[in-house]
């Protein structure tokens, strides 16, 4: 369990999460790869790491799999994982995109 769990335990967050998933019901990462997958996670574009200002920042909708695998790798400094519908790397820093 995250040490920031308390930030998610209120009605304001639940409302914000529900609104994000209502507006953007498909996983942003899967869409970049040409797949339509239901999103279940309202993910912070910028990792907040407990910072209340960043916590209020923009969100993206992700499926559980992308959030727990791909996003976790990105936040660990591994870059953006995966490819677009044509198989090209989506990470702008990938050497193919230089």
N, C-alpha and C. Protein backbone atom coordinates (compact mmCIF):
# COMPACT_ATOMS: atom_id res chain seq x y z
N UNK A 1 0.84 -1.19 0.00
CA UNK A 1 0.00 0.00 0.00
C UNK A 1 0.88 1.25 0.00
N UNK A 2 0.50 2.23 -0.76
CA UNK A 2 1.27 3.46 -0.90
C UNK A 2 1.25 4.28 0.38
N UNK A 3 2.33 4.98 0.63
CA UNK A 3 2.36 5.86 1.80
C UNK A 3 1.51 7.11 1.59
N UNK A 4 0.98 7.28 0.36
CA UNK A 4 0.13 8.43 0.06
C UNK A 4 -1.35 8.05 -0.05
N UNK A 5 -1.69 6.88 0.45
CA UNK A 5 -3.06 6.38 0.36
C UNK A 5 -4.07 7.37 0.94
N UNK A 6 -3.68 8.05 2.00
CA UNK A 6 -4.59 9.00 2.65
C UNK A 6 -5.07 10.10 1.69
N UNK A 7 -4.30 10.41 0.66
CA UNK A 7 -4.69 11.47 -0.27
C UNK A 7 -5.87 11.05 -1.14
N UNK A 8 -6.11 9.75 -1.23
CA UNK A 8 -7.18 9.23 -2.07
C UNK A 8 -8.44 8.90 -1.28
N UNK A 9 -8.39 9.05 0.03
CA UNK A 9 -9.49 8.61 0.90
C UNK A 9 -10.45 9.75 1.22
N UNK A 10 -11.00 10.38 0.18
CA UNK A 10 -11.98 11.44 0.44
C UNK A 10 -12.92 11.57 -0.76
N UNK A 11 -14.03 12.21 -0.52
CA UNK A 11 -15.08 12.35 -1.54
C UNK A 11 -14.60 13.19 -2.72
N UNK A 12 -13.78 14.18 -2.45
CA UNK A 12 -13.30 15.05 -3.54
C UNK A 12 -12.50 14.24 -4.56
N UNK A 13 -11.58 13.36 -4.10
CA UNK A 13 -10.81 12.54 -5.02
C UNK A 13 -11.73 11.57 -5.76
N UNK A 14 -12.64 10.93 -5.06
CA UNK A 14 -13.54 9.97 -5.71
C UNK A 14 -14.35 10.65 -6.82
N UNK A 15 -14.79 11.87 -6.57
CA UNK A 15 -15.54 12.61 -7.59
C UNK A 15 -14.63 12.96 -8.77
N UNK A 16 -13.42 13.40 -8.49
CA UNK A 16 -12.47 13.76 -9.55
C UNK A 16 -12.11 12.54 -10.41
N UNK A 17 -11.88 11.40 -9.75
CA UNK A 17 -11.56 10.16 -10.44
C UNK A 17 -12.72 9.75 -11.35
N UNK A 18 -13.93 9.76 -10.81
CA UNK A 18 -15.12 9.36 -11.58
C UNK A 18 -15.31 10.27 -12.79
N UNK A 19 -15.09 11.56 -12.61
CA UNK A 19 -15.23 12.52 -13.72
C UNK A 19 -14.20 12.25 -14.81
N UNK A 20 -12.96 11.97 -14.42
CA UNK A 20 -11.90 11.66 -15.39
C UNK A 20 -12.28 10.43 -16.21
N UNK A 21 -12.70 9.37 -15.54
CA UNK A 21 -13.03 8.13 -16.24
C UNK A 21 -14.31 8.26 -17.08
N UNK A 22 -15.20 9.16 -16.68
CA UNK A 22 -16.40 9.41 -17.47
C UNK A 22 -16.04 10.15 -18.77
N UNK A 23 -15.17 11.16 -18.64
CA UNK A 23 -14.77 11.95 -19.80
C UNK A 23 -13.86 11.17 -20.75
N UNK A 24 -12.98 10.37 -20.20
CA UNK A 24 -12.01 9.59 -20.98
C UNK A 24 -12.08 8.13 -20.54
N UNK A 25 -13.02 7.36 -21.06
CA UNK A 25 -13.25 6.00 -20.57
C UNK A 25 -12.26 4.95 -21.09
N UNK A 26 -11.38 5.32 -22.02
CA UNK A 26 -10.43 4.36 -22.58
C UNK A 26 -9.00 4.67 -22.14
N UNK A 27 -8.20 3.63 -22.02
CA UNK A 27 -6.81 3.75 -21.60
C UNK A 27 -5.99 4.54 -22.62
N UNK A 28 -5.35 5.60 -22.17
CA UNK A 28 -4.54 6.45 -23.05
C UNK A 28 -3.37 5.69 -23.66
N UNK A 29 -2.72 4.83 -22.89
CA UNK A 29 -1.58 4.07 -23.41
C UNK A 29 -2.03 3.05 -24.45
N UNK A 30 -3.09 2.33 -24.16
CA UNK A 30 -3.59 1.34 -25.12
C UNK A 30 -4.02 2.01 -26.42
N UNK A 31 -4.67 3.18 -26.32
CA UNK A 31 -5.09 3.90 -27.52
C UNK A 31 -3.90 4.25 -28.40
N UNK A 32 -2.77 4.61 -27.79
CA UNK A 32 -1.56 4.93 -28.57
C UNK A 32 -1.06 3.72 -29.35
N UNK A 33 -1.42 2.53 -28.87
CA UNK A 33 -1.00 1.30 -29.55
C UNK A 33 -2.12 0.73 -30.41
N UNK A 34 -3.19 1.51 -30.61
CA UNK A 34 -4.27 1.11 -31.49
C UNK A 34 -5.27 0.16 -30.87
N UNK A 35 -5.28 0.05 -29.52
CA UNK A 35 -6.23 -0.84 -28.84
C UNK A 35 -7.20 0.00 -28.02
N UNK A 36 -8.44 -0.45 -27.95
CA UNK A 36 -9.45 0.21 -27.13
C UNK A 36 -9.67 -0.64 -25.88
N UNK A 37 -9.16 -0.16 -24.75
CA UNK A 37 -9.27 -0.88 -23.48
C UNK A 37 -9.92 0.02 -22.45
N UNK A 38 -10.86 -0.51 -21.71
CA UNK A 38 -11.54 0.27 -20.67
C UNK A 38 -10.54 0.74 -19.63
N UNK A 39 -10.60 2.02 -19.30
CA UNK A 39 -9.75 2.58 -18.25
C UNK A 39 -10.41 2.38 -16.89
N UNK A 40 -9.60 2.09 -15.90
CA UNK A 40 -10.09 1.91 -14.53
C UNK A 40 -9.32 2.76 -13.52
N UNK A 41 -8.27 3.44 -13.99
CA UNK A 41 -7.41 4.22 -13.10
C UNK A 41 -7.31 5.65 -13.61
N UNK A 42 -7.54 6.61 -12.70
CA UNK A 42 -7.27 8.02 -13.00
C UNK A 42 -5.85 8.28 -12.51
N UNK A 43 -4.93 8.39 -13.45
CA UNK A 43 -3.50 8.48 -13.15
C UNK A 43 -3.01 9.92 -13.25
N UNK A 44 -2.17 10.31 -12.33
CA UNK A 44 -1.56 11.64 -12.38
C UNK A 44 -0.49 11.66 -13.47
N UNK A 45 -0.59 12.62 -14.39
CA UNK A 45 0.42 12.74 -15.44
C UNK A 45 1.80 12.99 -14.85
N UNK A 46 1.86 13.81 -13.84
CA UNK A 46 3.11 14.07 -13.13
C UNK A 46 3.05 13.36 -11.79
N UNK A 47 3.98 12.47 -11.50
CA UNK A 47 3.96 11.79 -10.20
C UNK A 47 3.97 12.81 -9.07
N UNK A 48 3.04 12.68 -8.12
CA UNK A 48 2.93 13.69 -7.07
C UNK A 48 3.79 13.40 -5.86
N UNK A 49 4.05 12.14 -5.58
CA UNK A 49 4.90 11.74 -4.45
C UNK A 49 4.57 12.49 -3.16
N UNK A 50 3.27 12.71 -2.95
CA UNK A 50 2.80 13.35 -1.73
C UNK A 50 2.67 14.85 -1.80
N UNK A 51 3.10 15.46 -2.88
CA UNK A 51 3.00 16.91 -3.05
C UNK A 51 1.55 17.26 -3.38
N UNK A 52 0.91 18.04 -2.52
CA UNK A 52 -0.52 18.34 -2.70
C UNK A 52 -0.80 19.18 -3.95
N UNK A 53 0.14 20.01 -4.35
CA UNK A 53 -0.06 20.82 -5.57
C UNK A 53 -0.03 19.91 -6.79
N UNK A 54 0.96 19.01 -6.87
CA UNK A 54 1.03 18.08 -8.00
C UNK A 54 -0.15 17.10 -7.98
N UNK A 55 -0.64 16.77 -6.80
CA UNK A 55 -1.79 15.87 -6.69
C UNK A 55 -3.01 16.45 -7.40
N UNK A 56 -3.12 17.76 -7.41
CA UNK A 56 -4.25 18.43 -8.06
C UNK A 56 -4.01 18.63 -9.56
N UNK A 57 -2.87 18.19 -10.06
CA UNK A 57 -2.52 18.37 -11.47
C UNK A 57 -3.33 17.50 -12.40
N UNK A 58 -3.02 17.56 -13.70
CA UNK A 58 -3.80 16.86 -14.72
C UNK A 58 -3.71 15.34 -14.58
N UNK A 59 -4.79 14.70 -15.02
CA UNK A 59 -4.93 13.24 -14.96
C UNK A 59 -5.01 12.65 -16.36
N UNK A 60 -4.76 11.36 -16.44
CA UNK A 60 -5.01 10.60 -17.65
C UNK A 60 -5.68 9.30 -17.23
N UNK A 61 -6.45 8.73 -18.12
CA UNK A 61 -7.13 7.46 -17.85
C UNK A 61 -6.28 6.30 -18.34
N UNK A 62 -6.07 5.31 -17.47
CA UNK A 62 -5.30 4.13 -17.82
C UNK A 62 -6.04 2.87 -17.40
N UNK A 63 -5.76 1.77 -18.08
CA UNK A 63 -6.27 0.47 -17.61
C UNK A 63 -5.36 0.03 -16.46
N UNK A 64 -5.81 -0.90 -15.67
CA UNK A 64 -5.03 -1.37 -14.53
C UNK A 64 -3.69 -1.94 -14.93
N UNK A 65 -3.65 -2.66 -16.03
CA UNK A 65 -2.42 -3.28 -16.48
C UNK A 65 -1.38 -2.22 -16.85
N UNK A 66 -1.75 -1.24 -17.64
CA UNK A 66 -0.80 -0.19 -18.03
C UNK A 66 -0.34 0.61 -16.81
N UNK A 67 -1.25 0.87 -15.89
CA UNK A 67 -0.87 1.64 -14.71
C UNK A 67 0.14 0.89 -13.86
N UNK A 68 -0.08 -0.39 -13.66
CA UNK A 68 0.80 -1.14 -12.76
C UNK A 68 2.09 -1.59 -13.43
N UNK A 69 2.12 -1.66 -14.74
CA UNK A 69 3.33 -2.12 -15.42
C UNK A 69 4.04 -0.99 -16.15
N UNK A 70 3.42 -0.45 -17.18
CA UNK A 70 4.06 0.54 -18.04
C UNK A 70 4.36 1.82 -17.29
N UNK A 71 3.37 2.38 -16.61
CA UNK A 71 3.56 3.64 -15.89
C UNK A 71 4.61 3.46 -14.79
N UNK A 72 4.59 2.33 -14.11
CA UNK A 72 5.57 2.07 -13.06
C UNK A 72 6.99 2.05 -13.63
N UNK A 73 7.17 1.46 -14.81
CA UNK A 73 8.49 1.45 -15.45
C UNK A 73 8.93 2.86 -15.83
N UNK A 74 8.01 3.65 -16.35
CA UNK A 74 8.33 5.03 -16.72
C UNK A 74 8.78 5.82 -15.50
N UNK A 75 8.03 5.70 -14.42
CA UNK A 75 8.36 6.46 -13.22
C UNK A 75 9.65 5.97 -12.59
N UNK A 76 10.04 4.76 -12.91
CA UNK A 76 11.31 4.23 -12.42
C UNK A 76 12.48 4.61 -13.31
N UNK A 77 12.25 5.47 -14.32
CA UNK A 77 13.31 5.96 -15.18
C UNK A 77 13.59 5.09 -16.39
N UNK A 78 12.67 4.21 -16.75
CA UNK A 78 12.89 3.31 -17.88
C UNK A 78 12.37 3.88 -19.20
N UNK A 79 11.80 5.08 -19.20
CA UNK A 79 11.27 5.67 -20.42
C UNK A 79 9.88 5.14 -20.74
N UNK A 80 9.29 5.63 -21.81
CA UNK A 80 7.97 5.19 -22.22
C UNK A 80 8.10 3.84 -22.91
N UNK A 81 7.28 2.90 -22.50
CA UNK A 81 7.33 1.54 -22.99
C UNK A 81 6.22 1.35 -24.03
N UNK A 82 6.52 0.59 -25.08
CA UNK A 82 5.50 0.22 -26.05
C UNK A 82 5.68 0.92 -27.38
N UNK A 83 4.76 0.62 -28.28
CA UNK A 83 4.81 1.18 -29.61
C UNK A 83 3.45 1.64 -30.07
N UNK A 84 3.45 2.39 -31.15
CA UNK A 84 2.18 2.84 -31.71
C UNK A 84 1.59 1.73 -32.58
N UNK A 85 0.50 2.03 -33.26
CA UNK A 85 -0.20 1.03 -34.07
C UNK A 85 0.68 0.48 -35.21
N UNK A 86 1.70 1.26 -35.62
CA UNK A 86 2.61 0.81 -36.67
C UNK A 86 3.85 0.10 -36.13
N UNK A 87 3.94 -0.02 -34.80
CA UNK A 87 5.07 -0.70 -34.19
C UNK A 87 6.25 0.20 -33.89
N UNK A 88 6.11 1.51 -34.09
CA UNK A 88 7.18 2.44 -33.79
C UNK A 88 7.20 2.75 -32.30
N UNK A 89 8.39 2.91 -31.68
CA UNK A 89 8.46 3.20 -30.25
C UNK A 89 7.77 4.52 -29.93
N UNK A 90 7.01 4.54 -28.83
CA UNK A 90 6.32 5.77 -28.45
C UNK A 90 7.19 6.68 -27.59
N UNK A 91 8.30 6.16 -27.06
CA UNK A 91 9.19 6.98 -26.26
C UNK A 91 9.93 7.96 -27.17
N UNK A 92 9.73 9.29 -26.97
CA UNK A 92 10.40 10.26 -27.84
C UNK A 92 11.92 10.20 -27.71
N UNK A 93 12.43 9.63 -26.63
CA UNK A 93 13.88 9.52 -26.43
C UNK A 93 14.47 8.23 -26.97
N UNK A 94 13.62 7.36 -27.51
CA UNK A 94 14.12 6.13 -28.10
C UNK A 94 15.02 6.48 -29.28
N UNK A 95 16.10 5.73 -29.48
CA UNK A 95 17.05 6.09 -30.53
C UNK A 95 16.43 6.07 -31.93
N UNK A 96 15.36 5.33 -32.16
CA UNK A 96 14.71 5.35 -33.46
C UNK A 96 14.03 6.69 -33.73
N UNK A 97 13.71 7.43 -32.66
CA UNK A 97 13.03 8.71 -32.81
C UNK A 97 13.98 9.90 -32.77
N UNK A 98 15.26 9.64 -32.85
CA UNK A 98 16.25 10.73 -32.79
C UNK A 98 16.55 11.26 -34.18
